Amino acid sequence: MQQSLGKHDALEVVLQSYKDISYPLKKKRIVLTGAPATGKTTLSLGLEAQGHNVFHEQARQIIQKSLENGSNVLPWKDLNRFTEVVWDLRNEQYELASLETLNFYDRSIMDSYAYLLKGNAETKAQWMSDMKTKTFDKIFILPVWPDIHSLDKERMESLEDCIEVESFLYKAYQEMGYELIQVPVGTVEERLAFIHNAI
């Protein structure tokens, strides 16, 4: 007759079963980062067209609204206030991740941290805590691409500024323990294929 399981053994079986069924249910979060004008928006739209869950960048809309309303919630006027607004929105996006598909994020709170580092601005203790607890599975960085660089009312960074932003993005993500995967310059189709092969 098969020997009955003791309480300790039974607990081990339950825990192992829980581990086995919960692992596939883990929400997978993937970040697309990079300096302005590197093709993130176009790539995000491509991923969305493939059926993935995509959380789009909101900073540009906040800047546009602030300019229209004459508000100081702008990165070049009040970086900390601007960061606070963007940070909260990105945290909300983080919590909305789906189990059914890959979740792609056009920037994350680490991007906000990079801009704080660049501006030599204060980083709140809660923000540091958020970066340690709200983690991501993979980070793809789109490199500065001079051929598509352009300026407008919301995107005021020169090519030299973009190169500097990129260096702070590497610094911010690496400080938090992430390895950044560089997406080669190319067509949208080539970049989409690269990302899928790297996941």
C-alpha atoms as a PDB file:
ATOM      1  CA  MET A   1       0.000   0.000   0.000  1.00  0.00           C
ATOM      2  CA  GLN A   2       1.305   3.434  -0.876  1.00  0.00           C
ATOM      3  CA  GLN A   3       2.449   5.336   2.185  1.00  0.00           C
ATOM      4  CA  SER A   4       0.284   8.412   2.910  1.00  0.00           C
ATOM      5  CA  LEU A   5       1.937  11.798   2.686  1.00  0.00           C
ATOM      6  CA  GLY A   6       2.898  13.558   5.874  1.00  0.00           C
ATOM      7  CA  LYS A   7       1.800  17.142   6.482  1.00  0.00           C
ATOM      8  CA  HIS A   8       5.159  18.505   5.375  1.00  0.00           C
ATOM      9  CA  ASP A   9       5.175  16.447   2.150  1.00  0.00           C
ATOM     10  CA  ALA A  10       1.601  17.431   1.369  1.00  0.00           C
ATOM     11  CA  LEU A  11       2.492  21.091   1.778  1.00  0.00           C
ATOM     12  CA  GLU A  12       5.418  20.661  -0.600  1.00  0.00           C
ATOM     13  CA  VAL A  13       3.097  19.153  -3.227  1.00  0.00           C
ATOM     14  CA  VAL A  14       0.632  22.032  -2.900  1.00  0.00           C
ATOM     15  CA  LEU A  15       3.371  24.652  -3.166  1.00  0.00           C
ATOM     16  CA  GLN A  16       4.918  22.970  -6.197  1.00  0.00           C
ATOM     17  CA  SER A  17       1.522  22.734  -7.901  1.00  0.00           C
ATOM     18  CA  TYR A  18       0.907  26.412  -7.228  1.00  0.00           C
ATOM     19  CA  LYS A  19       4.306  27.276  -8.655  1.00  0.00           C
ATOM     20  CA  ASP A  20       3.667  25.196 -11.775  1.00  0.00           C
ATOM     21  CA  ILE A  21       0.303  26.801 -12.598  1.00  0.00           C
ATOM     22  CA  SER A  22       1.170  30.355 -11.617  1.00  0.00           C
ATOM     23  CA  TYR A  23       4.364  30.695 -13.632  1.00  0.00           C
ATOM     24  CA  PRO A  24       2.601  30.855 -17.037  1.00  0.00           C
ATOM     25  CA  LEU A  25       0.178  33.422 -15.597  1.00  0.00           C
ATOM     26  CA  LYS A  26       2.934  35.888 -14.843  1.00  0.00           C
ATOM     27  CA  LYS A  27       2.329  39.217 -16.540  1.00  0.00           C
ATOM     28  CA  LYS A  28       5.159  39.837 -18.973  1.00  0.00           C
ATOM     29  CA  ARG A  29       6.156  43.483 -19.279  1.00  0.00           C
ATOM     30  CA  ILE A  30       8.570  44.724 -21.935  1.00  0.00           C
ATOM     31  CA  VAL A  31       9.876  48.279 -22.269  1.00  0.00           C
ATOM     32  CA  LEU A  32      10.779  50.217 -25.384  1.00  0.00           C
ATOM     33  CA  THR A  33      13.080  53.058 -24.405  1.00  0.00           C
ATOM     34  CA  GLY A  34      15.326  55.494 -26.196  1.00  0.00           C
ATOM     35  CA  ALA A  35      15.921  59.176 -26.721  1.00  0.00           C
ATOM     36  CA  PRO A  36      13.323  61.290 -28.566  1.00  0.00           C
ATOM     37  CA  ALA A  37      12.931  60.693 -32.314  1.00  0.00           C
ATOM     38  CA  THR A  38      14.272  57.149 -32.396  1.00  0.00           C
ATOM     39  CA  GLY A  39      11.175  55.410 -33.774  1.00  0.00           C
ATOM     40  CA  LYS A  40       9.525  54.234 -30.539  1.00  0.00           C
ATOM     41  CA  THR A  41       6.034  55.420 -31.431  1.00  0.00           C
ATOM     42  CA  THR A  42       6.119  53.821 -34.884  1.00  0.00           C
ATOM     43  CA  LEU A  43       7.399  50.566 -33.426  1.00  0.00           C
ATOM     44  CA  SER A  44       4.757  50.646 -30.683  1.00  0.00           C
ATOM     45  CA  LEU A  45       2.016  51.028 -33.288  1.00  0.00           C
ATOM     46  CA  GLY A  46       3.491  48.090 -35.188  1.00  0.00           C
ATOM     47  CA  LEU A  47       3.381  45.898 -32.089  1.00  0.00           C
ATOM     48  CA  GLU A  48      -0.186  46.988 -31.406  1.00  0.00           C
ATOM     49  CA  ALA A  49      -1.180  46.086 -34.959  1.00  0.00           C
ATOM     50  CA  GLN A  50       0.160  42.585 -34.279  1.00  0.00           C
ATOM     51  CA  GLY A  51      -2.308  42.238 -31.407  1.00  0.00           C
ATOM     52  CA  HIS A  52      -0.065  42.990 -28.462  1.00  0.00           C
ATOM     53  CA  ASN A  53      -1.076  45.086 -25.494  1.00  0.00           C
ATOM     54  CA  VAL A  54       0.765  48.400 -25.889  1.00  0.00           C
ATOM     55  CA  PHE A  55       0.912  51.274 -23.407  1.00  0.00           C
ATOM     56  CA  HIS A  56       1.788  54.423 -25.278  1.00  0.00           C
ATOM     57  CA  GLU A  57       3.931  57.342 -24.172  1.00  0.00           C
ATOM     58  CA  GLN A  58       1.918  60.079 -22.446  1.00  0.00           C
ATOM     59  CA  ALA A  59       4.574  62.722 -21.774  1.00  0.00           C
ATOM     60  CA  ARG A  60       4.139  64.303 -25.196  1.00  0.00           C
ATOM     61  CA  GLN A  61       0.392  64.787 -24.611  1.00  0.00           C
ATOM     62  CA  ILE A  62       1.059  66.305 -21.191  1.00  0.00           C
ATOM     63  CA  ILE A  63       3.509  68.782 -22.735  1.00  0.00           C
ATOM     64  CA  GLN A  64       1.026  69.673 -25.471  1.00  0.00           C
ATOM     65  CA  LYS A  65      -1.765  70.245 -22.947  1.00  0.00           C
ATOM     66  CA  SER A  66       0.488  72.332 -20.680  1.00  0.00           C
ATOM     67  CA  LEU A  67       1.534  74.517 -23.617  1.00  0.00           C
ATOM     68  CA  GLU A  68      -2.093  75.046 -24.601  1.00  0.00           C
ATOM     69  CA  ASN A  69      -3.124  75.921 -21.023  1.00  0.00           C
ATOM     70  CA  GLY A  70      -0.072  77.998 -20.154  1.00  0.00           C
ATOM     71  CA  SER A  71       0.828  75.550 -17.384  1.00  0.00           C
ATOM     72  CA  ASN A  72       4.289  75.148 -15.854  1.00  0.00           C
ATOM     73  CA  VAL A  73       4.001  71.338 -15.900  1.00  0.00           C
ATOM     74  CA  LEU A  74       6.802  71.143 -18.442  1.00  0.00           C
ATOM     75  CA  PRO A  75      10.161  69.377 -18.158  1.00  0.00           C
ATOM     76  CA  TRP A  76      12.097  72.574 -18.922  1.00  0.00           C
ATOM     77  CA  LYS A  77      10.123  74.661 -16.388  1.00  0.00           C
ATOM     78  CA  ASP A  78       9.321  72.357 -13.452  1.00  0.00           C
ATOM     79  CA  LEU A  79      10.977  68.990 -13.937  1.00  0.00           C
ATOM     80  CA  ASN A  80       9.873  67.538 -10.591  1.00  0.00           C
ATOM     81  CA  ARG A  81       6.208  68.458 -11.053  1.00  0.00           C
ATOM     82  CA  PHE A  82       6.258  67.154 -14.619  1.00  0.00           C
ATOM     83  CA  THR A  83       7.915  63.938 -13.418  1.00  0.00           C
ATOM     84  CA  GLU A  84       5.282  63.506 -10.707  1.00  0.00           C
ATOM     85  CA  VAL A  85       2.448  63.658 -13.256  1.00  0.00           C
ATOM     86  CA  VAL A  86       4.158  61.317 -15.722  1.00  0.00           C
ATOM     87  CA  TRP A  87       5.298  58.939 -12.978  1.00  0.00           C
ATOM     88  CA  ASP A  88       1.753  58.434 -11.667  1.00  0.00           C
ATOM     89  CA  LEU A  89       0.443  57.758 -15.163  1.00  0.00           C
ATOM     90  CA  ARG A  90       3.194  55.231 -15.848  1.00  0.00           C
ATOM     91  CA  ASN A  91       2.449  53.469 -12.566  1.00  0.00           C
ATOM     92  CA  GLU A  92      -1.193  53.239 -13.620  1.00  0.00           C
ATOM     93  CA  GLN A  93      -0.138  51.725 -16.935  1.00  0.00           C
ATOM     94  CA  TYR A  94       2.029  49.199 -15.108  1.00  0.00           C
ATOM     95  CA  GLU A  95      -0.936  47.907 -13.120  1.00  0.00           C
ATOM     96  CA  LEU A  96      -3.075  47.519 -16.255  1.00  0.00           C
ATOM     97  CA  ALA A  97      -0.877  44.776 -17.734  1.00  0.00           C
ATOM     98  CA  SER A  98      -2.777  41.837 -19.187  1.00  0.00           C
ATOM     99  CA  LEU A  99      -2.215  38.107 -18.709  1.00  0.00           C
ATOM    100  CA  GLU A 100      -3.385  37.226 -22.213  1.00  0.00           C
ATOM    101  CA  THR A 101      -0.590  38.842 -24.218  1.00  0.00           C
ATOM    102  CA  LEU A 102       2.806  40.453 -24.040  1.00  0.00           C
ATOM    103  CA  ASN A 103       2.644  43.949 -22.561  1.00  0.00           C
ATOM    104  CA  PHE A 104       4.813  46.566 -24.245  1.00  0.00           C
ATOM    105  CA  TYR A 105       5.518  49.956 -22.688  1.00  0.00           C
ATOM    106  CA  ASP A 106       6.668  52.993 -24.648  1.00  0.00           C
ATOM    107  CA  ARG A 107       8.945  54.216 -21.841  1.00  0.00           C
ATOM    108  CA  SER A 108       8.728  53.419 -18.130  1.00  0.00           C
ATOM    109  CA  ILE A 109       9.360  55.108 -14.786  1.00  0.00           C
ATOM    110  CA  MET A 110      13.079  54.454 -15.323  1.00  0.00           C
ATOM    111  CA  ASP A 111      12.944  56.884 -18.241  1.00  0.00           C
ATOM    112  CA  SER A 112      11.618  59.524 -15.866  1.00  0.00           C
ATOM    113  CA  TYR A 113      14.453  58.679 -13.503  1.00  0.00           C
ATOM    114  CA  ALA A 114      16.957  59.164 -16.333  1.00  0.00           C
ATOM    115  CA  TYR A 115      15.653  62.680 -16.943  1.00  0.00           C
ATOM    116  CA  LEU A 116      15.915  63.423 -13.219  1.00  0.00           C
ATOM    117  CA  LEU A 117      19.548  62.309 -13.305  1.00  0.00           C
ATOM    118  CA  LYS A 118      20.182  64.429 -16.376  1.00  0.00           C
ATOM    119  CA  GLY A 119      18.582  67.464 -14.702  1.00  0.00           C
ATOM    120  CA  ASN A 120      20.386  66.808 -11.413  1.00  0.00           C
ATOM    121  CA  ALA A 121      16.952  66.868  -9.745  1.00  0.00           C
ATOM    122  CA  GLU A 122      15.779  65.259  -6.526  1.00  0.00           C
ATOM    123  CA  THR A 123      14.420  61.705  -6.661  1.00  0.00           C
ATOM    124  CA  LYS A 124      11.752  60.986  -4.055  1.00  0.00           C
ATOM    125  CA  ALA A 125      12.155  57.952  -1.792  1.00  0.00           C
ATOM    126  CA  GLN A 126       8.818  56.601  -3.052  1.00  0.00           C
ATOM    127  CA  TRP A 127      10.051  56.799  -6.627  1.00  0.00           C
ATOM    128  CA  MET A 128      13.150  54.804  -5.722  1.00  0.00           C
ATOM    129  CA  SER A 129      10.901  52.227  -4.049  1.00  0.00           C
ATOM    130  CA  ASP A 130       8.664  52.036  -7.122  1.00  0.00           C
ATOM    131  CA  MET A 131      11.613  51.241  -9.367  1.00  0.00           C
ATOM    132  CA  LYS A 132      12.603  48.341  -7.124  1.00  0.00           C
ATOM    133  CA  THR A 133       9.120  46.823  -6.895  1.00  0.00           C
ATOM    134  CA  LYS A 134       7.611  47.541 -10.322  1.00  0.00           C
ATOM    135  CA  THR A 135       9.909  45.411 -12.406  1.00  0.00           C
ATOM    136  CA  PHE A 136      10.069  44.598 -16.122  1.00  0.00           C
ATOM    137  CA  ASP A 137      11.127  41.477 -17.999  1.00  0.00           C
ATOM    138  CA  LYS A 138      13.075  42.950 -20.909  1.00  0.00           C
ATOM    139  CA  ILE A 139      14.301  46.379 -21.923  1.00  0.00           C
ATOM    140  CA  PHE A 140      14.811  47.269 -25.582  1.00  0.00           C
ATOM    141  CA  ILE A 141      16.551  50.542 -26.390  1.00  0.00           C
ATOM    142  CA  LEU A 142      16.255  52.261 -29.754  1.00  0.00           C
ATOM    143  CA  PRO A 143      19.486  54.123 -30.517  1.00  0.00           C
ATOM    144  CA  VAL A 144      19.751  57.747 -31.618  1.00  0.00           C
ATOM    145  CA  TRP A 145      19.002  57.857 -35.338  1.00  0.00           C
ATOM    146  CA  PRO A 146      20.175  61.142 -36.944  1.00  0.00           C
ATOM    147  CA  ASP A 147      18.324  60.463 -40.200  1.00  0.00           C
ATOM    148  CA  ILE A 148      14.890  60.652 -38.547  1.00  0.00           C
ATOM    149  CA  HIS A 149      15.667  63.262 -35.902  1.00  0.00           C
ATOM    150  CA  SER A 150      13.292  66.243 -35.991  1.00  0.00           C
ATOM    151  CA  LEU A 151      12.078  69.060 -33.734  1.00  0.00           C
ATOM    152  CA  ASP A 152       8.632  70.442 -32.972  1.00  0.00           C
ATOM    153  CA  LYS A 153       6.786  72.280 -30.168  1.00  0.00           C
ATOM    154  CA  GLU A 154       6.740  69.255 -27.844  1.00  0.00           C
ATOM    155  CA  ARG A 155      10.049  67.719 -28.934  1.00  0.00           C
ATOM    156  CA  MET A 156      12.727  70.343 -28.455  1.00  0.00           C
ATOM    157  CA  GLU A 157      15.858  68.232 -27.970  1.00  0.00           C
ATOM    158  CA  SER A 158      18.700  68.772 -30.413  1.00  0.00           C
ATOM    159  CA  LEU A 159      20.603  65.790 -31.763  1.00  0.00           C
ATOM    160  CA  GLU A 160      23.316  66.471 -29.167  1.00  0.00           C
ATOM    161  CA  ASP A 161      20.653  66.528 -26.424  1.00  0.00           C
ATOM    162  CA  CYS A 162      19.313  63.179 -27.634  1.00  0.00           C
ATOM    163  CA  ILE A 163      22.763  61.617 -27.427  1.00  0.00           C
ATOM    164  CA  GLU A 164      23.061  62.884 -23.857  1.00  0.00           C
ATOM    165  CA  VAL A 165      19.580  61.571 -22.978  1.00  0.00           C
ATOM    166  CA  GLU A 166      20.562  58.153 -24.312  1.00  0.00           C
ATOM    167  CA  SER A 167      23.587  58.029 -21.997  1.00  0.00           C
ATOM    168  CA  PHE A 168      21.390  58.796 -18.981  1.00  0.00           C
ATOM    169  CA  LEU A 169      18.882  56.141 -20.027  1.00  0.00           C
ATOM    170  CA  TYR A 170      21.640  53.549 -19.964  1.00  0.00           C
ATOM    171  CA  LYS A 171      22.768  54.853 -16.575  1.00  0.00           C
ATOM    172  CA  ALA A 172      19.263  54.764 -15.060  1.00  0.00           C
ATOM    173  CA  TYR A 173      18.334  51.277 -16.256  1.00  0.00           C
ATOM    174  CA  GLN A 174      21.711  49.760 -15.458  1.00  0.00           C
ATOM    175  CA  GLU A 175      21.613  51.288 -11.981  1.00  0.00           C
ATOM    176  CA  MET A 176      18.379  49.351 -11.448  1.00  0.00           C
ATOM    177  CA  GLY A 177      20.035  46.130 -12.606  1.00  0.00           C
ATOM    178  CA  TYR A 178      18.673  45.894 -16.156  1.00  0.00           C
ATOM    179  CA  GLU A 179      20.477  44.802 -19.299  1.00  0.00           C
ATOM    180  CA  LEU A 180      19.454  46.887 -22.304  1.00  0.00           C
ATOM    181  CA  ILE A 181      19.026  45.222 -25.696  1.00  0.00           C
ATOM    182  CA  GLN A 182      19.757  47.605 -28.561  1.00  0.00           C
ATOM    183  CA  VAL A 183      17.334  47.424 -31.460  1.00  0.00           C
ATOM    184  CA  PRO A 184      19.210  47.968 -34.741  1.00  0.00           C
ATOM    185  CA  VAL A 185      18.242  50.799 -37.057  1.00  0.00           C
ATOM    186  CA  GLY A 186      16.035  49.480 -39.844  1.00  0.00           C
ATOM    187  CA  THR A 187      12.519  49.205 -41.188  1.00  0.00           C
ATOM    188  CA  VAL A 188       9.602  48.689 -38.821  1.00  0.00           C
ATOM    189  CA  GLU A 189       9.291  45.093 -40.040  1.00  0.00           C
ATOM    190  CA  GLU A 190      12.969  44.427 -39.345  1.00  0.00           C
ATOM    191  CA  ARG A 191      12.723  45.925 -35.870  1.00  0.00           C
ATOM    192  CA  LEU A 192       9.573  43.963 -35.051  1.00  0.00           C
ATOM    193  CA  ALA A 193      11.279  40.742 -36.138  1.00  0.00           C
ATOM    194  CA  PHE A 194      14.330  41.562 -34.040  1.00  0.00           C
ATOM    195  CA  ILE A 195      12.236  42.112 -30.916  1.00  0.00           C
ATOM    196  CA  HIS A 196      10.246  38.895 -31.366  1.00  0.00           C
ATOM    197  CA  ASN A 197      13.440  36.903 -31.893  1.00  0.00           C
ATOM    198  CA  ALA A 198      14.942  38.407 -28.729  1.00  0.00           C
ATOM    199  CA  ILE A 199      11.957  37.723 -26.447  1.00  0.00           C
END
